[in-house]
Structure formats: structure tokens, C-alpha cells
Amino acid sequence: MAMLDLLETVGEESYQQLLTAFQNGYEAHLTWPEDPIKSFQIGRILWKLNWIARFQPEYLMRSLESTMPIFEIYEQTGMLTLPK
């Protein structure tokens, strides 16, 4: 979840550099998990949409419109992007 927050805060270009630095530091102490982090990040985005649907339904359609391209790109390429 923290890595998705980082991506959303710093943008795609800076994120990759920071993720690589984080991974290098992590691997100095532990083995990096084999499971791809992107699937967890997509799950976090779904969780956010669920929260909006439950607690702020008036914003759900706008949130879906901005989020659907993220899911479509992920499905087609396996890459995680930010809303345009």
C-alpha cells in the first residue's frame, strides 16, 4: 500500500527510481518477495473504490471514470499507471 501511495505522490518517473532504491536497501537485509507488487497495488485501488462506493457514493462515477484506464492498461500490459 505504501508503494502505491508513493507512486501517486511522486509520479511514474520518480517512482521507479525510488522503488529501485527501496528494493536495493530491502535486499541488503531480506530477500525481495517473488510476487509482483503491482497486483497488490491494483488491489489497493479496488479497495479505494469500494471505500468510495460505501462512504462517498456521490463521487463513485467520477472515480470510476478516472480509474478504469488504470485497470485497462494493467490488463493489457501488466504495467501500473496513474490516471491521466
N, C-alpha and C. Protein backbone atom coordinates (compact mmCIF):
# COMPACT_ATOMS: atom_id res chain seq x y z
N MET A 1 0.83 -1.19 0.00
CA MET A 1 0.00 0.00 0.00
C MET A 1 0.87 1.24 0.00
N ALA A 2 1.97 1.18 0.73
CA ALA A 2 2.84 2.35 0.80
C ALA A 2 3.46 2.66 -0.56
N MET A 3 3.75 1.63 -1.34
CA MET A 3 4.36 1.87 -2.65
C MET A 3 3.35 2.51 -3.60
N LEU A 4 2.07 2.18 -3.49
CA LEU A 4 1.05 2.84 -4.31
C LEU A 4 0.93 4.30 -3.89
N ASP A 5 0.94 4.56 -2.60
CA ASP A 5 0.90 5.95 -2.12
C ASP A 5 2.10 6.73 -2.65
N LEU A 6 3.27 6.08 -2.65
CA LEU A 6 4.47 6.73 -3.19
C LEU A 6 4.30 7.04 -4.67
N LEU A 7 3.81 6.09 -5.45
CA LEU A 7 3.58 6.30 -6.89
C LEU A 7 2.65 7.48 -7.11
N GLU A 8 1.56 7.51 -6.35
CA GLU A 8 0.58 8.58 -6.53
C GLU A 8 1.14 9.93 -6.10
N THR A 9 2.11 9.93 -5.21
CA THR A 9 2.67 11.19 -4.70
C THR A 9 3.77 11.74 -5.60
N VAL A 10 4.67 10.87 -6.08
CA VAL A 10 5.85 11.38 -6.80
C VAL A 10 5.75 11.24 -8.31
N GLY A 11 4.81 10.44 -8.82
CA GLY A 11 4.69 10.26 -10.27
C GLY A 11 5.49 9.05 -10.75
N GLU A 12 5.21 8.65 -11.98
CA GLU A 12 5.76 7.40 -12.52
C GLU A 12 7.28 7.41 -12.68
N GLU A 13 7.84 8.51 -13.16
CA GLU A 13 9.28 8.54 -13.41
C GLU A 13 10.08 8.47 -12.11
N SER A 14 9.76 9.32 -11.16
CA SER A 14 10.47 9.31 -9.88
C SER A 14 10.20 8.04 -9.10
N TYR A 15 8.99 7.51 -9.24
CA TYR A 15 8.62 6.30 -8.51
C TYR A 15 9.57 5.16 -8.81
N GLN A 16 9.85 4.93 -10.08
CA GLN A 16 10.70 3.80 -10.45
C GLN A 16 12.08 3.92 -9.81
N GLN A 17 12.63 5.11 -9.80
CA GLN A 17 13.94 5.31 -9.16
C GLN A 17 13.87 5.06 -7.66
N LEU A 18 12.82 5.56 -7.02
CA LEU A 18 12.67 5.38 -5.58
C LEU A 18 12.37 3.92 -5.22
N LEU A 19 11.56 3.25 -6.03
CA LEU A 19 11.27 1.83 -5.79
C LEU A 19 12.54 1.00 -5.91
N THR A 20 13.36 1.29 -6.91
CA THR A 20 14.62 0.56 -7.08
C THR A 20 15.53 0.79 -5.88
N ALA A 21 15.63 2.02 -5.42
CA ALA A 21 16.46 2.33 -4.24
C ALA A 21 15.92 1.61 -3.01
N PHE A 22 14.60 1.61 -2.84
CA PHE A 22 13.99 0.92 -1.71
C PHE A 22 14.28 -0.57 -1.78
N GLN A 23 14.11 -1.15 -2.97
CA GLN A 23 14.35 -2.58 -3.14
C GLN A 23 15.81 -2.93 -2.84
N ASN A 24 16.74 -2.11 -3.29
CA ASN A 24 18.16 -2.36 -3.01
C ASN A 24 18.43 -2.36 -1.51
N GLY A 25 17.86 -1.38 -0.81
CA GLY A 25 18.03 -1.34 0.64
C GLY A 25 17.37 -2.52 1.33
N TYR A 26 16.20 -2.89 0.88
CA TYR A 26 15.47 -4.02 1.43
C TYR A 26 16.29 -5.30 1.28
N GLU A 27 16.84 -5.49 0.08
CA GLU A 27 17.60 -6.71 -0.19
C GLU A 27 18.92 -6.79 0.55
N ALA A 28 19.35 -5.69 1.14
CA ALA A 28 20.54 -5.73 1.98
C ALA A 28 20.26 -6.51 3.27
N HIS A 29 18.97 -6.67 3.59
CA HIS A 29 18.58 -7.34 4.84
C HIS A 29 17.71 -8.58 4.63
N LEU A 30 16.89 -8.56 3.60
CA LEU A 30 15.95 -9.66 3.34
C LEU A 30 15.86 -9.92 1.84
N THR A 31 15.33 -11.07 1.50
CA THR A 31 15.10 -11.40 0.09
C THR A 31 13.82 -10.70 -0.36
N TRP A 32 13.89 -10.04 -1.52
CA TRP A 32 12.73 -9.36 -2.08
C TRP A 32 11.68 -10.41 -2.46
N PRO A 33 10.43 -10.22 -2.12
CA PRO A 33 9.38 -11.20 -2.44
C PRO A 33 9.28 -11.46 -3.94
N GLU A 34 8.98 -12.69 -4.29
CA GLU A 34 8.86 -13.05 -5.70
C GLU A 34 7.57 -12.55 -6.33
N ASP A 35 6.51 -12.44 -5.54
CA ASP A 35 5.23 -11.99 -6.07
C ASP A 35 5.34 -10.55 -6.55
N PRO A 36 4.76 -10.25 -7.71
CA PRO A 36 4.83 -8.87 -8.21
C PRO A 36 4.02 -7.92 -7.34
N ILE A 37 4.58 -6.78 -7.06
CA ILE A 37 3.95 -5.78 -6.20
C ILE A 37 2.75 -5.13 -6.90
N LYS A 38 2.76 -5.11 -8.21
CA LYS A 38 1.70 -4.42 -8.96
C LYS A 38 0.32 -5.01 -8.70
N SER A 39 0.22 -6.32 -8.54
CA SER A 39 -1.09 -6.92 -8.29
C SER A 39 -1.65 -6.46 -6.94
N PHE A 40 -0.79 -6.25 -5.95
CA PHE A 40 -1.24 -5.72 -4.67
C PHE A 40 -1.67 -4.27 -4.80
N GLN A 41 -0.96 -3.52 -5.63
CA GLN A 41 -1.32 -2.11 -5.84
C GLN A 41 -2.67 -2.00 -6.55
N ILE A 42 -2.92 -2.86 -7.52
CA ILE A 42 -4.23 -2.87 -8.19
C ILE A 42 -5.32 -3.21 -7.18
N GLY A 43 -5.04 -4.15 -6.30
CA GLY A 43 -5.99 -4.49 -5.25
C GLY A 43 -6.27 -3.31 -4.33
N ARG A 44 -5.26 -2.52 -4.05
CA ARG A 44 -5.43 -1.33 -3.21
C ARG A 44 -6.33 -0.31 -3.91
N ILE A 45 -6.18 -0.16 -5.21
CA ILE A 45 -7.04 0.75 -5.96
C ILE A 45 -8.49 0.27 -5.89
N LEU A 46 -8.69 -1.04 -6.02
CA LEU A 46 -10.04 -1.59 -5.88
C LEU A 46 -10.59 -1.33 -4.48
N TRP A 47 -9.75 -1.47 -3.48
CA TRP A 47 -10.18 -1.19 -2.12
C TRP A 47 -10.63 0.26 -1.98
N LYS A 48 -9.87 1.18 -2.58
CA LYS A 48 -10.25 2.60 -2.53
C LYS A 48 -11.61 2.83 -3.18
N LEU A 49 -11.83 2.20 -4.33
CA LEU A 49 -13.13 2.34 -5.00
C LEU A 49 -14.26 1.79 -4.14
N ASN A 50 -14.01 0.68 -3.48
CA ASN A 50 -15.01 0.12 -2.58
C ASN A 50 -15.32 1.08 -1.44
N TRP A 51 -14.29 1.71 -0.90
CA TRP A 51 -14.49 2.68 0.18
C TRP A 51 -15.33 3.85 -0.31
N ILE A 52 -15.02 4.35 -1.50
CA ILE A 52 -15.79 5.46 -2.07
C ILE A 52 -17.24 5.04 -2.28
N ALA A 53 -17.45 3.84 -2.81
CA ALA A 53 -18.82 3.35 -3.04
C ALA A 53 -19.61 3.28 -1.74
N ARG A 54 -18.93 2.92 -0.69
CA ARG A 54 -19.61 2.75 0.59
C ARG A 54 -19.85 4.06 1.33
N PHE A 55 -18.84 4.93 1.33
CA PHE A 55 -18.90 6.11 2.19
C PHE A 55 -19.08 7.44 1.46
N GLN A 56 -18.77 7.47 0.16
CA GLN A 56 -18.94 8.69 -0.63
C GLN A 56 -19.50 8.35 -2.01
N PRO A 57 -20.66 7.73 -2.06
CA PRO A 57 -21.19 7.24 -3.34
C PRO A 57 -21.40 8.33 -4.38
N GLU A 58 -21.53 9.57 -3.95
CA GLU A 58 -21.72 10.65 -4.91
C GLU A 58 -20.46 10.88 -5.76
N TYR A 59 -19.32 10.36 -5.33
CA TYR A 59 -18.07 10.51 -6.09
C TYR A 59 -17.68 9.24 -6.85
N LEU A 60 -18.50 8.21 -6.76
CA LEU A 60 -18.12 6.93 -7.35
C LEU A 60 -17.98 6.98 -8.86
N MET A 61 -18.93 7.56 -9.57
CA MET A 61 -18.86 7.58 -11.04
C MET A 61 -17.62 8.34 -11.51
N ARG A 62 -17.34 9.47 -10.90
CA ARG A 62 -16.15 10.24 -11.27
C ARG A 62 -14.88 9.44 -10.99
N SER A 63 -14.86 8.75 -9.86
CA SER A 63 -13.70 7.93 -9.51
C SER A 63 -13.52 6.77 -10.48
N LEU A 64 -14.63 6.13 -10.86
CA LEU A 64 -14.56 5.04 -11.83
C LEU A 64 -14.05 5.51 -13.18
N GLU A 65 -14.53 6.66 -13.61
CA GLU A 65 -14.09 7.20 -14.91
C GLU A 65 -12.58 7.45 -14.93
N SER A 66 -12.03 7.94 -13.84
CA SER A 66 -10.59 8.22 -13.81
C SER A 66 -9.76 6.96 -13.56
N THR A 67 -10.39 5.95 -12.96
CA THR A 67 -9.65 4.75 -12.58
C THR A 67 -9.69 3.65 -13.64
N MET A 68 -10.73 3.58 -14.41
CA MET A 68 -10.86 2.50 -15.40
C MET A 68 -9.67 2.40 -16.35
N PRO A 69 -9.11 3.52 -16.83
CA PRO A 69 -7.92 3.38 -17.69
C PRO A 69 -6.75 2.68 -16.99
N ILE A 70 -6.62 2.85 -15.68
CA ILE A 70 -5.55 2.16 -14.94
C ILE A 70 -5.73 0.66 -15.07
N PHE A 71 -6.97 0.18 -14.85
CA PHE A 71 -7.24 -1.25 -14.95
C PHE A 71 -7.08 -1.77 -16.38
N GLU A 72 -7.52 -0.99 -17.35
CA GLU A 72 -7.40 -1.41 -18.75
C GLU A 72 -5.94 -1.54 -19.17
N ILE A 73 -5.12 -0.56 -18.80
CA ILE A 73 -3.70 -0.61 -19.14
C ILE A 73 -3.02 -1.77 -18.42
N TYR A 74 -3.37 -1.98 -17.16
CA TYR A 74 -2.79 -3.09 -16.40
C TYR A 74 -3.16 -4.43 -17.03
N GLU A 75 -4.42 -4.56 -17.43
CA GLU A 75 -4.87 -5.80 -18.05
C GLU A 75 -4.15 -6.06 -19.37
N GLN A 76 -3.92 -5.01 -20.15
CA GLN A 76 -3.29 -5.17 -21.47
C GLN A 76 -1.77 -5.33 -21.39
N THR A 77 -1.13 -4.64 -20.44
CA THR A 77 0.34 -4.58 -20.45
C THR A 77 1.00 -5.10 -19.17
N GLY A 78 0.23 -5.21 -18.09
CA GLY A 78 0.84 -5.58 -16.80
C GLY A 78 1.53 -4.42 -16.12
N MET A 79 1.38 -3.21 -16.70
CA MET A 79 2.01 -2.03 -16.13
C MET A 79 0.99 -1.23 -15.30
N LEU A 80 1.47 -0.63 -14.24
CA LEU A 80 0.63 0.22 -13.40
C LEU A 80 0.90 1.66 -13.75
N THR A 81 -0.14 2.39 -14.08
CA THR A 81 -0.01 3.80 -14.46
C THR A 81 -0.87 4.66 -13.55
N LEU A 82 -0.70 5.94 -13.66
CA LEU A 82 -1.51 6.89 -12.92
C LEU A 82 -2.65 7.36 -13.81
N PRO A 83 -3.74 7.83 -13.21
CA PRO A 83 -4.81 8.41 -14.04
C PRO A 83 -4.29 9.58 -14.85
N LYS A 84 -4.77 9.72 -16.06
CA LYS A 84 -4.35 10.83 -16.92
C LYS A 84 -5.25 12.01 -16.70
